[in-house]
PDB file of N, CA and C in Angstrom:
ATOM      1  N   UNK A   1      31.293 -16.071   1.075  1.00  0.00           N
ATOM      2  CA  UNK A   1      30.900 -15.716   2.414  1.00  0.00           C
ATOM      3  C   UNK A   1      29.791 -14.662   2.327  1.00  0.00           C
ATOM      4  N   UNK A   2      28.655 -14.900   2.978  1.00  0.00           N
ATOM      5  CA  UNK A   2      27.554 -13.944   2.890  1.00  0.00           C
ATOM      6  C   UNK A   2      27.826 -12.671   3.683  1.00  0.00           C
ATOM      7  N   UNK A   3      27.244 -11.624   3.206  1.00  0.00           N
ATOM      8  CA  UNK A   3      27.363 -10.338   3.888  1.00  0.00           C
ATOM      9  C   UNK A   3      26.200 -10.223   4.862  1.00  0.00           C
ATOM     10  N   UNK A   4      26.498  -9.895   6.097  1.00  0.00           N
ATOM     11  CA  UNK A   4      25.476  -9.780   7.126  1.00  0.00           C
ATOM     12  C   UNK A   4      25.490  -8.344   7.652  1.00  0.00           C
ATOM     13  N   UNK A   5      24.316  -7.739   7.667  1.00  0.00           N
ATOM     14  CA  UNK A   5      24.204  -6.398   8.241  1.00  0.00           C
ATOM     15  C   UNK A   5      23.303  -6.462   9.460  1.00  0.00           C
ATOM     16  N   UNK A   6      23.535  -5.585  10.372  1.00  0.00           N
ATOM     17  CA  UNK A   6      22.735  -5.577  11.594  1.00  0.00           C
ATOM     18  C   UNK A   6      21.438  -4.800  11.428  1.00  0.00           C
ATOM     19  N   UNK A   7      21.440  -3.882  10.518  1.00  0.00           N
ATOM     20  CA  UNK A   7      20.293  -2.993  10.364  1.00  0.00           C
ATOM     21  C   UNK A   7      19.863  -3.004   8.901  1.00  0.00           C
ATOM     22  N   UNK A   8      18.570  -3.003   8.669  1.00  0.00           N
ATOM     23  CA  UNK A   8      18.065  -2.992   7.296  1.00  0.00           C
ATOM     24  C   UNK A   8      18.424  -1.671   6.622  1.00  0.00           C
ATOM     25  N   UNK A   9      18.680  -1.707   5.323  1.00  0.00           N
ATOM     26  CA  UNK A   9      18.981  -0.454   4.629  1.00  0.00           C
ATOM     27  C   UNK A   9      17.738   0.438   4.601  1.00  0.00           C
ATOM     28  N   UNK A  10      17.921   1.728   4.459  1.00  0.00           N
ATOM     29  CA  UNK A  10      16.752   2.618   4.425  1.00  0.00           C
ATOM     30  C   UNK A  10      15.876   2.315   3.212  1.00  0.00           C
ATOM     31  N   UNK A  11      14.585   2.452   3.404  1.00  0.00           N
ATOM     32  CA  UNK A  11      13.635   2.176   2.322  1.00  0.00           C
ATOM     33  C   UNK A  11      13.703   3.281   1.275  1.00  0.00           C
ATOM     34  N   UNK A  12      13.513   2.896   0.037  1.00  0.00           N
ATOM     35  CA  UNK A  12      13.489   3.876  -1.044  1.00  0.00           C
ATOM     36  C   UNK A  12      12.155   4.623  -1.010  1.00  0.00           C
ATOM     37  N   UNK A  13      12.056   5.749  -1.672  1.00  0.00           N
ATOM     38  CA  UNK A  13      10.780   6.467  -1.713  1.00  0.00           C
ATOM     39  C   UNK A  13       9.661   5.608  -2.304  1.00  0.00           C
ATOM     40  N   UNK A  14       9.979   4.788  -3.284  1.00  0.00           N
ATOM     41  CA  UNK A  14       8.972   3.918  -3.878  1.00  0.00           C
ATOM     42  C   UNK A  14       8.479   2.876  -2.880  1.00  0.00           C
ATOM     43  N   UNK A  15       9.377   2.316  -2.087  1.00  0.00           N
ATOM     44  CA  UNK A  15       8.986   1.350  -1.061  1.00  0.00           C
ATOM     45  C   UNK A  15       8.140   2.012   0.023  1.00  0.00           C
ATOM     46  N   UNK A  16       8.507   3.233   0.405  1.00  0.00           N
ATOM     47  CA  UNK A  16       7.710   3.951   1.413  1.00  0.00           C
ATOM     48  C   UNK A  16       6.317   4.269   0.884  1.00  0.00           C
ATOM     49  N   UNK A  17       6.230   4.679  -0.395  1.00  0.00           N
ATOM     50  CA  UNK A  17       4.920   4.969  -0.983  1.00  0.00           C
ATOM     51  C   UNK A  17       4.069   3.706  -1.044  1.00  0.00           C
ATOM     52  N   UNK A  18       4.673   2.594  -1.410  1.00  0.00           N
ATOM     53  CA  UNK A  18       3.918   1.351  -1.492  1.00  0.00           C
ATOM     54  C   UNK A  18       3.394   0.951  -0.112  1.00  0.00           C
ATOM     55  N   UNK A  19       4.219   1.024   0.918  1.00  0.00           N
ATOM     56  CA  UNK A  19       3.788   0.684   2.271  1.00  0.00           C
ATOM     57  C   UNK A  19       2.674   1.617   2.725  1.00  0.00           C
ATOM     58  N   UNK A  20       2.826   2.903   2.442  1.00  0.00           N
ATOM     59  CA  UNK A  20       1.817   3.889   2.838  1.00  0.00           C
ATOM     60  C   UNK A  20       0.494   3.632   2.117  1.00  0.00           C
ATOM     61  N   UNK A  21       0.544   3.392   0.812  1.00  0.00           N
ATOM     62  CA  UNK A  21      -0.690   3.197   0.049  1.00  0.00           C
ATOM     63  C   UNK A  21      -1.384   1.901   0.455  1.00  0.00           C
ATOM     64  N   UNK A  22      -0.622   0.839   0.721  1.00  0.00           N
ATOM     65  CA  UNK A  22      -1.236  -0.403   1.179  1.00  0.00           C
ATOM     66  C   UNK A  22      -1.921  -0.207   2.523  1.00  0.00           C
ATOM     67  N   UNK A  23      -1.288   0.566   3.397  1.00  0.00           N
ATOM     68  CA  UNK A  23      -1.878   0.855   4.711  1.00  0.00           C
ATOM     69  C   UNK A  23      -3.200   1.608   4.557  1.00  0.00           C
ATOM     70  N   UNK A  24      -3.231   2.586   3.672  1.00  0.00           N
ATOM     71  CA  UNK A  24      -4.460   3.353   3.445  1.00  0.00           C
ATOM     72  C   UNK A  24      -5.587   2.454   2.916  1.00  0.00           C
ATOM     73  N   UNK A  25      -5.260   1.581   1.966  1.00  0.00           N
ATOM     74  CA  UNK A  25      -6.278   0.706   1.387  1.00  0.00           C
ATOM     75  C   UNK A  25      -6.772  -0.325   2.401  1.00  0.00           C
ATOM     76  N   UNK A  26      -5.876  -0.832   3.236  1.00  0.00           N
ATOM     77  CA  UNK A  26      -6.287  -1.800   4.266  1.00  0.00           C
ATOM     78  C   UNK A  26      -7.192  -1.128   5.288  1.00  0.00           C
ATOM     79  N   UNK A  27      -6.842   0.072   5.729  1.00  0.00           N
ATOM     80  CA  UNK A  27      -7.685   0.792   6.684  1.00  0.00           C
ATOM     81  C   UNK A  27      -9.067   1.063   6.099  1.00  0.00           C
ATOM     82  N   UNK A  28      -9.134   1.432   4.832  1.00  0.00           N
ATOM     83  CA  UNK A  28     -10.424   1.692   4.193  1.00  0.00           C
ATOM     84  C   UNK A  28     -11.252   0.409   4.122  1.00  0.00           C
ATOM     85  N   UNK A  29     -10.610  -0.711   3.809  1.00  0.00           N
ATOM     86  CA  UNK A  29     -11.336  -1.983   3.752  1.00  0.00           C
ATOM     87  C   UNK A  29     -11.850  -2.373   5.143  1.00  0.00           C
ATOM     88  N   UNK A  30     -11.046  -2.146   6.176  1.00  0.00           N
ATOM     89  CA  UNK A  30     -11.488  -2.454   7.535  1.00  0.00           C
ATOM     90  C   UNK A  30     -12.670  -1.586   7.949  1.00  0.00           C
ATOM     91  N   UNK A  31     -12.644  -0.312   7.570  1.00  0.00           N
ATOM     92  CA  UNK A  31     -13.776   0.565   7.891  1.00  0.00           C
ATOM     93  C   UNK A  31     -15.031   0.130   7.139  1.00  0.00           C
ATOM     94  N   UNK A  32     -14.874  -0.287   5.883  1.00  0.00           N
ATOM     95  CA  UNK A  32     -16.027  -0.779   5.120  1.00  0.00           C
ATOM     96  C   UNK A  32     -16.643  -2.014   5.788  1.00  0.00           C
ATOM     97  N   UNK A  33     -15.791  -2.937   6.244  1.00  0.00           N
ATOM     98  CA  UNK A  33     -16.297  -4.126   6.926  1.00  0.00           C
ATOM     99  C   UNK A  33     -16.967  -3.774   8.244  1.00  0.00           C
ATOM    100  N   UNK A  34     -16.399  -2.815   8.973  1.00  0.00           N
ATOM    101  CA  UNK A  34     -16.998  -2.404  10.245  1.00  0.00           C
ATOM    102  C   UNK A  34     -18.367  -1.771  10.020  1.00  0.00           C
ATOM    103  N   UNK A  35     -18.521  -1.033   8.910  1.00  0.00           N
ATOM    104  CA  UNK A  35     -19.835  -0.446   8.594  1.00  0.00           C
ATOM    105  C   UNK A  35     -20.823  -1.512   8.132  1.00  0.00           C
ATOM    106  N   UNK A  36     -20.339  -2.479   7.372  1.00  0.00           N
ATOM    107  CA  UNK A  36     -21.221  -3.519   6.827  1.00  0.00           C
ATOM    108  C   UNK A  36     -21.686  -4.495   7.911  1.00  0.00           C
ATOM    109  N   UNK A  37     -20.795  -4.821   8.839  1.00  0.00           N
ATOM    110  CA  UNK A  37     -21.119  -5.764   9.910  1.00  0.00           C
ATOM    111  C   UNK A  37     -20.864  -5.112  11.261  1.00  0.00           C
ATOM    112  N   UNK A  38     -21.769  -4.238  11.710  1.00  0.00           N
ATOM    113  CA  UNK A  38     -21.543  -3.527  12.974  1.00  0.00           C
ATOM    114  C   UNK A  38     -21.550  -4.487  14.166  1.00  0.00           C
ATOM    115  N   UNK A  39     -20.684  -4.205  15.118  1.00  0.00           N
ATOM    116  CA  UNK A  39     -20.633  -4.997  16.341  1.00  0.00           C
ATOM    117  C   UNK A  39     -19.822  -6.278  16.225  1.00  0.00           C
ATOM    118  N   UNK A  40     -19.270  -6.581  15.065  1.00  0.00           N
ATOM    119  CA  UNK A  40     -18.512  -7.821  14.905  1.00  0.00           C
ATOM    120  C   UNK A  40     -17.006  -7.597  14.880  1.00  0.00           C
ATOM    121  N   UNK A  41     -16.580  -6.360  14.793  1.00  0.00           N
ATOM    122  CA  UNK A  41     -15.148  -6.075  14.737  1.00  0.00           C
ATOM    123  C   UNK A  41     -14.780  -5.076  15.823  1.00  0.00           C
ATOM    124  N   UNK A  42     -13.505  -4.963  16.070  1.00  0.00           N
ATOM    125  CA  UNK A  42     -13.021  -3.960  17.019  1.00  0.00           C
ATOM    126  C   UNK A  42     -13.161  -2.581  16.392  1.00  0.00           C
ATOM    127  N   UNK A  43     -13.268  -1.598  17.224  1.00  0.00           N
ATOM    128  CA  UNK A  43     -13.372  -0.228  16.730  1.00  0.00           C
ATOM    129  C   UNK A  43     -12.074   0.161  16.028  1.00  0.00           C
ATOM    130  N   UNK A  44     -12.182   0.828  14.890  1.00  0.00           N
ATOM    131  CA  UNK A  44     -10.963   1.234  14.197  1.00  0.00           C
ATOM    132  C   UNK A  44     -10.181   2.268  15.009  1.00  0.00           C
ATOM    133  N   UNK A  45      -8.893   2.307  14.772  1.00  0.00           N
ATOM    134  CA  UNK A  45      -8.032   3.263  15.468  1.00  0.00           C
ATOM    135  C   UNK A  45      -8.399   4.674  15.029  1.00  0.00           C
ATOM    136  N   UNK A  46      -8.564   5.552  15.994  1.00  0.00           N
ATOM    137  CA  UNK A  46      -8.859   6.950  15.684  1.00  0.00           C
ATOM    138  C   UNK A  46      -7.568   7.661  15.309  1.00  0.00           C
ATOM    139  N   UNK A  47      -7.598   8.351  14.204  1.00  0.00           N
ATOM    140  CA  UNK A  47      -6.439   9.122  13.768  1.00  0.00           C
ATOM    141  C   UNK A  47      -6.891  10.561  13.565  1.00  0.00           C
ATOM    142  N   UNK A  48      -5.981  11.409  13.221  1.00  0.00           N
ATOM    143  CA  UNK A  48      -6.290  12.817  13.051  1.00  0.00           C
ATOM    144  C   UNK A  48      -7.166  13.093  11.839  1.00  0.00           C
ATOM    145  N   UNK A  49      -7.686  14.294  11.771  1.00  0.00           N
ATOM    146  CA  UNK A  49      -8.568  14.690  10.669  1.00  0.00           C
ATOM    147  C   UNK A  49      -7.812  14.724   9.343  1.00  0.00           C
ATOM    148  N   UNK A  50      -6.562  15.158   9.362  1.00  0.00           N
ATOM    149  CA  UNK A  50      -5.773  15.201   8.136  1.00  0.00           C
ATOM    150  C   UNK A  50      -5.581  13.792   7.571  1.00  0.00           C
ATOM    151  N   UNK A  51      -5.326  12.839   8.445  1.00  0.00           N
ATOM    152  CA  UNK A  51      -5.163  11.446   8.007  1.00  0.00           C
ATOM    153  C   UNK A  51      -6.447  10.950   7.341  1.00  0.00           C
ATOM    154  N   UNK A  52      -7.587  11.260   7.931  1.00  0.00           N
ATOM    155  CA  UNK A  52      -8.866  10.822   7.376  1.00  0.00           C
ATOM    156  C   UNK A  52      -9.118  11.457   6.005  1.00  0.00           C
ATOM    157  N   UNK A  53      -8.780  12.727   5.855  1.00  0.00           N
ATOM    158  CA  UNK A  53      -8.973  13.412   4.572  1.00  0.00           C
ATOM    159  C   UNK A  53      -8.065  12.819   3.501  1.00  0.00           C
ATOM    160  N   UNK A  54      -6.796  12.617   3.842  1.00  0.00           N
ATOM    161  CA  UNK A  54      -5.854  12.050   2.873  1.00  0.00           C
ATOM    162  C   UNK A  54      -6.289  10.649   2.480  1.00  0.00           C
ATOM    163  N   UNK A  55      -6.698   9.831   3.467  1.00  0.00           N
ATOM    164  CA  UNK A  55      -7.159   8.477   3.169  1.00  0.00           C
ATOM    165  C   UNK A  55      -8.393   8.513   2.273  1.00  0.00           C
ATOM    166  N   UNK A  56      -9.325   9.382   2.569  1.00  0.00           N
ATOM    167  CA  UNK A  56     -10.548   9.469   1.769  1.00  0.00           C
ATOM    168  C   UNK A  56     -10.233   9.863   0.333  1.00  0.00           C
ATOM    169  N   UNK A  57      -9.379  10.849   0.150  1.00  0.00           N
ATOM    170  CA  UNK A  57      -9.023  11.300  -1.196  1.00  0.00           C
ATOM    171  C   UNK A  57      -8.263  10.208  -1.942  1.00  0.00           C
ATOM    172  N   UNK A  58      -7.281   9.595  -1.282  1.00  0.00           N
ATOM    173  CA  UNK A  58      -6.481   8.566  -1.941  1.00  0.00           C
ATOM    174  C   UNK A  58      -7.329   7.350  -2.314  1.00  0.00           C
ATOM    175  N   UNK A  59      -8.131   6.860  -1.378  1.00  0.00           N
ATOM    176  CA  UNK A  59      -8.929   5.659  -1.629  1.00  0.00           C
ATOM    177  C   UNK A  59      -9.994   5.940  -2.682  1.00  0.00           C
ATOM    178  N   UNK A  60     -10.619   7.100  -2.653  1.00  0.00           N
ATOM    179  CA  UNK A  60     -11.617   7.445  -3.660  1.00  0.00           C
ATOM    180  C   UNK A  60     -10.965   7.517  -5.043  1.00  0.00           C
ATOM    181  N   UNK A  61      -9.812   8.152  -5.126  1.00  0.00           N
ATOM    182  CA  UNK A  61      -9.100   8.207  -6.401  1.00  0.00           C
ATOM    183  C   UNK A  61      -8.706   6.827  -6.887  1.00  0.00           C
ATOM    184  N   UNK A  62      -8.270   5.971  -5.975  1.00  0.00           N
ATOM    185  CA  UNK A  62      -7.875   4.603  -6.339  1.00  0.00           C
ATOM    186  C   UNK A  62      -9.080   3.827  -6.859  1.00  0.00           C
ATOM    187  N   UNK A  63     -10.211   3.955  -6.171  1.00  0.00           N
ATOM    188  CA  UNK A  63     -11.404   3.196  -6.576  1.00  0.00           C
ATOM    189  C   UNK A  63     -12.001   3.715  -7.886  1.00  0.00           C
ATOM    190  N   UNK A  64     -11.852   5.002  -8.168  1.00  0.00           N
ATOM    191  CA  UNK A  64     -12.413   5.560  -9.398  1.00  0.00           C
ATOM    192  C   UNK A  64     -11.515   5.360 -10.615  1.00  0.00           C
ATOM    193  N   UNK A  65     -10.260   5.024 -10.378  1.00  0.00           N
ATOM    194  CA  UNK A  65      -9.329   4.781 -11.487  1.00  0.00           C
ATOM    195  C   UNK A  65      -9.696   3.467 -12.158  1.00  0.00           C
ATOM    196  N   UNK A  66      -9.829   3.446 -13.476  1.00  0.00           N
ATOM    197  CA  UNK A  66     -10.160   2.199 -14.166  1.00  0.00           C
ATOM    198  C   UNK A  66      -9.091   1.127 -13.923  1.00  0.00           C
ATOM    199  N   UNK A  67      -9.521  -0.120 -13.846  1.00  0.00           N
ATOM    200  CA  UNK A  67      -8.617  -1.228 -13.528  1.00  0.00           C
ATOM    201  C   UNK A  67      -7.447  -1.350 -14.506  1.00  0.00           C
ATOM    202  N   UNK A  68      -7.653  -1.216 -15.823  1.00  0.00           N
ATOM    203  CA  UNK A  68      -6.487  -1.329 -16.716  1.00  0.00           C
ATOM    204  C   UNK A  68      -5.432  -0.254 -16.443  1.00  0.00           C
ATOM    205  N   UNK A  69      -5.878   0.953 -16.130  1.00  0.00           N
ATOM    206  CA  UNK A  69      -4.925   2.027 -15.829  1.00  0.00           C
ATOM    207  C   UNK A  69      -4.192   1.753 -14.517  1.00  0.00           C
ATOM    208  N   UNK A  70      -4.917   1.252 -13.512  1.00  0.00           N
ATOM    209  CA  UNK A  70      -4.286   0.890 -12.237  1.00  0.00           C
ATOM    210  C   UNK A  70      -3.220  -0.178 -12.439  1.00  0.00           C
ATOM    211  N   UNK A  71      -3.559  -1.227 -13.207  1.00  0.00           N
ATOM    212  CA  UNK A  71      -2.590  -2.298 -13.471  1.00  0.00           C
ATOM    213  C   UNK A  71      -1.369  -1.759 -14.197  1.00  0.00           C
ATOM    214  N   UNK A  72      -1.572  -0.864 -15.161  1.00  0.00           N
ATOM    215  CA  UNK A  72      -0.463  -0.300 -15.919  1.00  0.00           C
ATOM    216  C   UNK A  72       0.464   0.491 -14.998  1.00  0.00           C
ATOM    217  N   UNK A  73      -0.134   1.319 -14.134  1.00  0.00           N
ATOM    218  CA  UNK A  73       0.674   2.129 -13.216  1.00  0.00           C
ATOM    219  C   UNK A  73       1.430   1.234 -12.240  1.00  0.00           C
ATOM    220  N   UNK A  74       0.752   0.241 -11.677  1.00  0.00           N
ATOM    221  CA  UNK A  74       1.424  -0.654 -10.738  1.00  0.00           C
ATOM    222  C   UNK A  74       2.541  -1.427 -11.405  1.00  0.00           C
ATOM    223  N   UNK A  75       2.312  -1.844 -12.631  1.00  0.00           N
ATOM    224  CA  UNK A  75       3.352  -2.572 -13.363  1.00  0.00           C
ATOM    225  C   UNK A  75       4.561  -1.661 -13.600  1.00  0.00           C
ATOM    226  N   UNK A  76       4.317  -0.408 -13.905  1.00  0.00           N
ATOM    227  CA  UNK A  76       5.411   0.532 -14.154  1.00  0.00           C
ATOM    228  C   UNK A  76       6.151   0.926 -12.868  1.00  0.00           C
ATOM    229  N   UNK A  77       5.426   1.085 -11.782  1.00  0.00           N
ATOM    230  CA  UNK A  77       6.031   1.595 -10.556  1.00  0.00           C
ATOM    231  C   UNK A  77       6.555   0.526  -9.609  1.00  0.00           C
ATOM    232  N   UNK A  78       5.803  -0.529  -9.423  1.00  0.00           N
ATOM    233  CA  UNK A  78       6.076  -1.393  -8.289  1.00  0.00           C
ATOM    234  C   UNK A  78       6.685  -2.746  -8.631  1.00  0.00           C
ATOM    235  N   UNK A  79       6.695  -3.138  -9.862  1.00  0.00           N
ATOM    236  CA  UNK A  79       7.216  -4.453 -10.213  1.00  0.00           C
ATOM    237  C   UNK A  79       8.498  -4.272 -11.005  1.00  0.00           C
ATOM    238  N   UNK A  80       9.529  -4.887 -10.528  1.00  0.00           N
ATOM    239  CA  UNK A  80      10.806  -4.791 -11.210  1.00  0.00           C
ATOM    240  C   UNK A  80      10.936  -5.934 -12.211  1.00  0.00           C
ATOM    241  N   UNK A  81      11.772  -5.716 -13.215  1.00  0.00           N
ATOM    242  CA  UNK A  81      12.025  -6.761 -14.198  1.00  0.00           C
ATOM    243  C   UNK A  81      12.811  -7.906 -13.564  1.00  0.00           C
ATOM    244  N   UNK A  82      12.646  -9.075 -14.134  1.00  0.00           N
ATOM    245  CA  UNK A  82      13.379 -10.225 -13.622  1.00  0.00           C
ATOM    246  C   UNK A  82      14.872 -10.067 -13.943  1.00  0.00           C
ATOM    247  N   UNK A  83      15.672 -10.685 -13.126  1.00  0.00           N
ATOM    248  CA  UNK A  83      17.118 -10.603 -13.335  1.00  0.00           C
ATOM    249  C   UNK A  83      17.545 -11.604 -14.399  1.00  0.00           C
ATOM    250  N   UNK A  84      18.479 -11.223 -15.190  1.00  0.00           N
ATOM    251  CA  UNK A  84      19.043 -12.108 -16.195  1.00  0.00           C
ATOM    252  C   UNK A  84      20.393 -12.593 -15.692  1.00  0.00           C
ATOM    253  N   UNK A  85      20.515 -13.877 -15.513  1.00  0.00           N
ATOM    254  CA  UNK A  85      21.754 -14.453 -15.016  1.00  0.00           C
ATOM    255  C   UNK A  85      22.547 -15.006 -16.194  1.00  0.00           C
ATOM    256  N   UNK A  86      23.805 -14.692 -16.203  1.00  0.00           N
ATOM    257  CA  UNK A  86      24.653 -15.233 -17.262  1.00  0.00           C
ATOM    258  C   UNK A  86      25.157 -16.611 -16.828  1.00  0.00           C
ATOM    259  N   UNK A  87      25.273 -17.497 -17.759  1.00  0.00           N
ATOM    260  CA  UNK A  87      25.779 -18.832 -17.452  1.00  0.00           C
ATOM    261  C   UNK A  87      27.300 -18.817 -17.518  1.00  0.00           C
ATOM    262  N   UNK A  88      27.909 -18.489 -16.430  1.00  0.00           N
ATOM    263  CA  UNK A  88      29.370 -18.337 -16.390  1.00  0.00           C
ATOM    264  C   UNK A  88      30.065 -19.657 -16.214  1.00  0.00           C
TER     265      UNK A  88
END
């Protein structure tokens, strides 16, 4: 009998960081497209100055990090090992 819950369990810190970092990278990509093709997209959502500074620092650090190092970190942090099932 399956277990059914009404509410999703709370996200782990790693899941929250992943959601936050993906949001920052998507916003940066949208701003880049809006600058490259003016007048073709909706205006980006205005956020506070602190948000803009954090996004700028995070995205700049992400873009300056070499690809092999980025892949290594993502593999260590965000990808879990496959499950091993026993043949019972």
